[in-house]
């Protein structure tokens, strides 16, 4: 059984937050999010893809570096 000192809430996890950012960017890309300020669809798509890649890479790095287990 895990010691309570090694547990933390899910929302305190950098891995979870990084994954949520990646999921948000992926969904924004899938649903074709557009803004009125940016007319260039390619720029928007490139930014969403870059943010998605960085967030998923961050999730991997943060999970490897993690020293505590998550609780519900």
N, C-alpha and C. Protein backbone atom coordinates (compact mmCIF):
# COMPACT_ATOMS: atom_id res chain seq x y z
N UNK A 1 0.84 -1.18 0.00
CA UNK A 1 0.00 0.00 0.00
C UNK A 1 0.89 1.25 0.00
N UNK A 2 0.42 2.32 -0.61
CA UNK A 2 1.22 3.54 -0.74
C UNK A 2 1.15 4.38 0.52
N UNK A 3 2.26 4.99 0.83
CA UNK A 3 2.33 5.94 1.93
C UNK A 3 1.64 7.23 1.48
N UNK A 4 0.83 7.83 2.34
CA UNK A 4 0.10 9.05 1.97
C UNK A 4 1.02 10.20 1.61
N UNK A 5 2.25 10.19 2.09
CA UNK A 5 3.17 11.27 1.77
C UNK A 5 3.64 11.20 0.32
N UNK A 6 3.43 10.08 -0.35
CA UNK A 6 3.84 9.95 -1.75
C UNK A 6 2.66 10.11 -2.71
N UNK A 7 1.50 10.51 -2.19
CA UNK A 7 0.32 10.70 -3.02
C UNK A 7 0.03 12.18 -3.19
N UNK A 8 -0.58 12.52 -4.33
CA UNK A 8 -0.99 13.91 -4.55
C UNK A 8 -2.25 13.90 -5.41
N UNK A 9 -3.03 14.97 -5.33
CA UNK A 9 -4.24 15.04 -6.16
C UNK A 9 -3.88 15.07 -7.65
N UNK A 10 -4.77 14.55 -8.47
CA UNK A 10 -4.52 14.49 -9.91
C UNK A 10 -4.25 15.88 -10.49
N UNK A 11 -5.01 16.89 -10.06
CA UNK A 11 -4.84 18.23 -10.63
C UNK A 11 -3.55 18.92 -10.19
N UNK A 12 -2.80 18.33 -9.29
CA UNK A 12 -1.50 18.87 -8.89
C UNK A 12 -0.39 18.29 -9.76
N UNK A 13 -0.75 17.44 -10.71
CA UNK A 13 0.23 16.76 -11.56
C UNK A 13 0.54 17.58 -12.82
N UNK A 14 1.81 17.87 -13.03
CA UNK A 14 2.23 18.56 -14.26
C UNK A 14 1.95 17.70 -15.48
N UNK A 15 2.05 16.38 -15.33
CA UNK A 15 1.78 15.47 -16.43
C UNK A 15 0.33 15.59 -16.88
N UNK A 16 -0.58 15.62 -15.92
CA UNK A 16 -2.00 15.73 -16.25
C UNK A 16 -2.27 17.05 -16.95
N UNK A 17 -1.74 18.15 -16.43
CA UNK A 17 -1.97 19.46 -17.05
C UNK A 17 -1.37 19.52 -18.45
N UNK A 18 -0.19 18.97 -18.64
CA UNK A 18 0.43 18.95 -19.95
C UNK A 18 -0.41 18.15 -20.94
N UNK A 19 -0.93 17.03 -20.49
CA UNK A 19 -1.79 16.22 -21.34
C UNK A 19 -3.10 16.93 -21.67
N UNK A 20 -3.66 17.65 -20.71
CA UNK A 20 -4.89 18.40 -20.97
C UNK A 20 -4.67 19.51 -22.00
N UNK A 21 -3.52 20.17 -21.92
CA UNK A 21 -3.20 21.20 -22.92
C UNK A 21 -3.08 20.56 -24.29
N UNK A 22 -2.41 19.42 -24.36
CA UNK A 22 -2.28 18.71 -25.64
C UNK A 22 -3.62 18.28 -26.19
N UNK A 23 -4.48 17.79 -25.33
CA UNK A 23 -5.81 17.37 -25.76
C UNK A 23 -6.61 18.56 -26.26
N UNK A 24 -6.54 19.68 -25.56
CA UNK A 24 -7.23 20.90 -25.99
C UNK A 24 -6.75 21.34 -27.37
N UNK A 25 -5.44 21.34 -27.58
CA UNK A 25 -4.88 21.76 -28.87
C UNK A 25 -5.30 20.79 -29.98
N UNK A 26 -5.28 19.51 -29.67
CA UNK A 26 -5.68 18.52 -30.66
C UNK A 26 -7.15 18.71 -31.05
N UNK A 27 -8.01 18.89 -30.06
CA UNK A 27 -9.43 19.11 -30.35
C UNK A 27 -9.65 20.41 -31.11
N UNK A 28 -8.93 21.44 -30.76
CA UNK A 28 -9.05 22.71 -31.48
C UNK A 28 -8.66 22.53 -32.94
N UNK A 29 -7.63 21.75 -33.19
CA UNK A 29 -7.18 21.48 -34.55
C UNK A 29 -8.22 20.66 -35.31
N UNK A 30 -8.75 19.65 -34.66
CA UNK A 30 -9.74 18.77 -35.30
C UNK A 30 -11.00 19.55 -35.67
N UNK A 31 -11.44 20.42 -34.78
CA UNK A 31 -12.67 21.16 -35.02
C UNK A 31 -12.46 22.46 -35.78
N UNK A 32 -11.24 22.71 -36.25
CA UNK A 32 -10.96 23.86 -37.11
C UNK A 32 -11.15 25.20 -36.45
N UNK A 33 -10.60 25.37 -35.25
CA UNK A 33 -10.71 26.64 -34.54
C UNK A 33 -10.09 27.76 -35.37
N UNK A 34 -10.85 28.81 -35.55
CA UNK A 34 -10.36 29.97 -36.28
C UNK A 34 -10.56 31.21 -35.43
N UNK A 35 -9.73 32.18 -35.60
CA UNK A 35 -9.91 33.46 -34.91
C UNK A 35 -10.08 34.55 -35.94
N UNK A 36 -10.72 35.60 -35.56
CA UNK A 36 -10.92 36.73 -36.47
C UNK A 36 -9.64 37.53 -36.68
N UNK A 37 -8.73 37.44 -35.71
CA UNK A 37 -7.50 38.23 -35.80
C UNK A 37 -6.47 37.61 -36.73
N UNK A 38 -6.53 36.28 -36.91
CA UNK A 38 -5.55 35.59 -37.75
C UNK A 38 -6.26 35.05 -38.97
N UNK A 39 -5.93 35.60 -40.12
CA UNK A 39 -6.55 35.14 -41.36
C UNK A 39 -5.83 33.95 -41.96
N UNK A 40 -4.62 33.70 -41.55
CA UNK A 40 -3.82 32.65 -42.15
C UNK A 40 -4.07 31.33 -41.43
N UNK A 41 -4.83 30.45 -42.07
CA UNK A 41 -5.14 29.15 -41.48
C UNK A 41 -3.91 28.30 -41.25
N UNK A 42 -2.93 28.44 -42.12
CA UNK A 42 -1.70 27.65 -41.98
C UNK A 42 -0.95 28.03 -40.71
N UNK A 43 -0.93 29.31 -40.36
CA UNK A 43 -0.26 29.74 -39.14
C UNK A 43 -0.96 29.18 -37.91
N UNK A 44 -2.26 29.24 -37.91
CA UNK A 44 -3.03 28.69 -36.80
C UNK A 44 -2.77 27.20 -36.66
N UNK A 45 -2.81 26.49 -37.77
CA UNK A 45 -2.57 25.05 -37.74
C UNK A 45 -1.17 24.73 -37.23
N UNK A 46 -0.18 25.46 -37.68
CA UNK A 46 1.20 25.23 -37.25
C UNK A 46 1.36 25.48 -35.75
N UNK A 47 0.74 26.53 -35.25
CA UNK A 47 0.83 26.83 -33.82
C UNK A 47 0.14 25.76 -32.98
N UNK A 48 -1.02 25.29 -33.44
CA UNK A 48 -1.71 24.23 -32.72
C UNK A 48 -0.90 22.94 -32.72
N UNK A 49 -0.29 22.61 -33.84
CA UNK A 49 0.52 21.39 -33.91
C UNK A 49 1.76 21.51 -33.02
N UNK A 50 2.39 22.67 -33.01
CA UNK A 50 3.57 22.87 -32.17
C UNK A 50 3.21 22.76 -30.69
N UNK A 51 2.11 23.39 -30.30
CA UNK A 51 1.69 23.32 -28.90
C UNK A 51 1.32 21.89 -28.52
N UNK A 52 0.70 21.16 -29.43
CA UNK A 52 0.36 19.78 -29.17
C UNK A 52 1.61 18.94 -28.95
N UNK A 53 2.58 19.09 -29.82
CA UNK A 53 3.83 18.34 -29.70
C UNK A 53 4.57 18.65 -28.41
N UNK A 54 4.66 19.92 -28.07
CA UNK A 54 5.36 20.32 -26.85
C UNK A 54 4.64 19.79 -25.62
N UNK A 55 3.32 19.84 -25.62
CA UNK A 55 2.59 19.38 -24.44
C UNK A 55 2.73 17.88 -24.24
N UNK A 56 2.70 17.10 -25.32
CA UNK A 56 2.85 15.66 -25.17
C UNK A 56 4.29 15.29 -24.79
N UNK A 57 5.26 16.00 -25.33
CA UNK A 57 6.65 15.76 -24.92
C UNK A 57 6.82 16.11 -23.44
N UNK A 58 6.20 17.20 -23.02
CA UNK A 58 6.24 17.59 -21.61
C UNK A 58 5.60 16.55 -20.72
N UNK A 59 4.50 15.97 -21.16
CA UNK A 59 3.83 14.94 -20.37
C UNK A 59 4.75 13.75 -20.14
N UNK A 60 5.47 13.36 -21.15
CA UNK A 60 6.40 12.24 -21.02
C UNK A 60 7.52 12.59 -20.04
N UNK A 61 8.11 13.75 -20.22
CA UNK A 61 9.22 14.18 -19.35
C UNK A 61 8.74 14.30 -17.90
N UNK A 62 7.59 14.94 -17.69
CA UNK A 62 7.09 15.11 -16.34
C UNK A 62 6.76 13.79 -15.67
N UNK A 63 6.24 12.82 -16.43
CA UNK A 63 5.90 11.53 -15.84
C UNK A 63 7.17 10.79 -15.45
N UNK A 64 8.21 10.88 -16.26
CA UNK A 64 9.49 10.23 -15.94
C UNK A 64 10.10 10.87 -14.69
N UNK A 65 10.00 12.18 -14.57
CA UNK A 65 10.59 12.89 -13.44
C UNK A 65 9.75 12.78 -12.16
N UNK A 66 8.50 12.37 -12.28
CA UNK A 66 7.59 12.35 -11.13
C UNK A 66 8.10 11.44 -10.02
N UNK A 67 7.94 11.91 -8.80
CA UNK A 67 8.37 11.10 -7.65
C UNK A 67 7.20 10.69 -6.77
N UNK A 68 5.98 11.11 -7.12
CA UNK A 68 4.82 10.75 -6.32
C UNK A 68 3.77 10.09 -7.19
N UNK A 69 2.93 9.29 -6.55
CA UNK A 69 1.84 8.63 -7.23
C UNK A 69 0.59 9.52 -7.17
N UNK A 70 -0.32 9.32 -8.11
CA UNK A 70 -1.54 10.12 -8.16
C UNK A 70 -2.67 9.42 -7.42
N UNK A 71 -3.57 10.23 -6.87
CA UNK A 71 -4.78 9.71 -6.25
C UNK A 71 -5.97 10.29 -6.97
N UNK A 72 -7.13 9.74 -6.74
CA UNK A 72 -8.34 10.29 -7.37
C UNK A 72 -8.85 11.48 -6.64
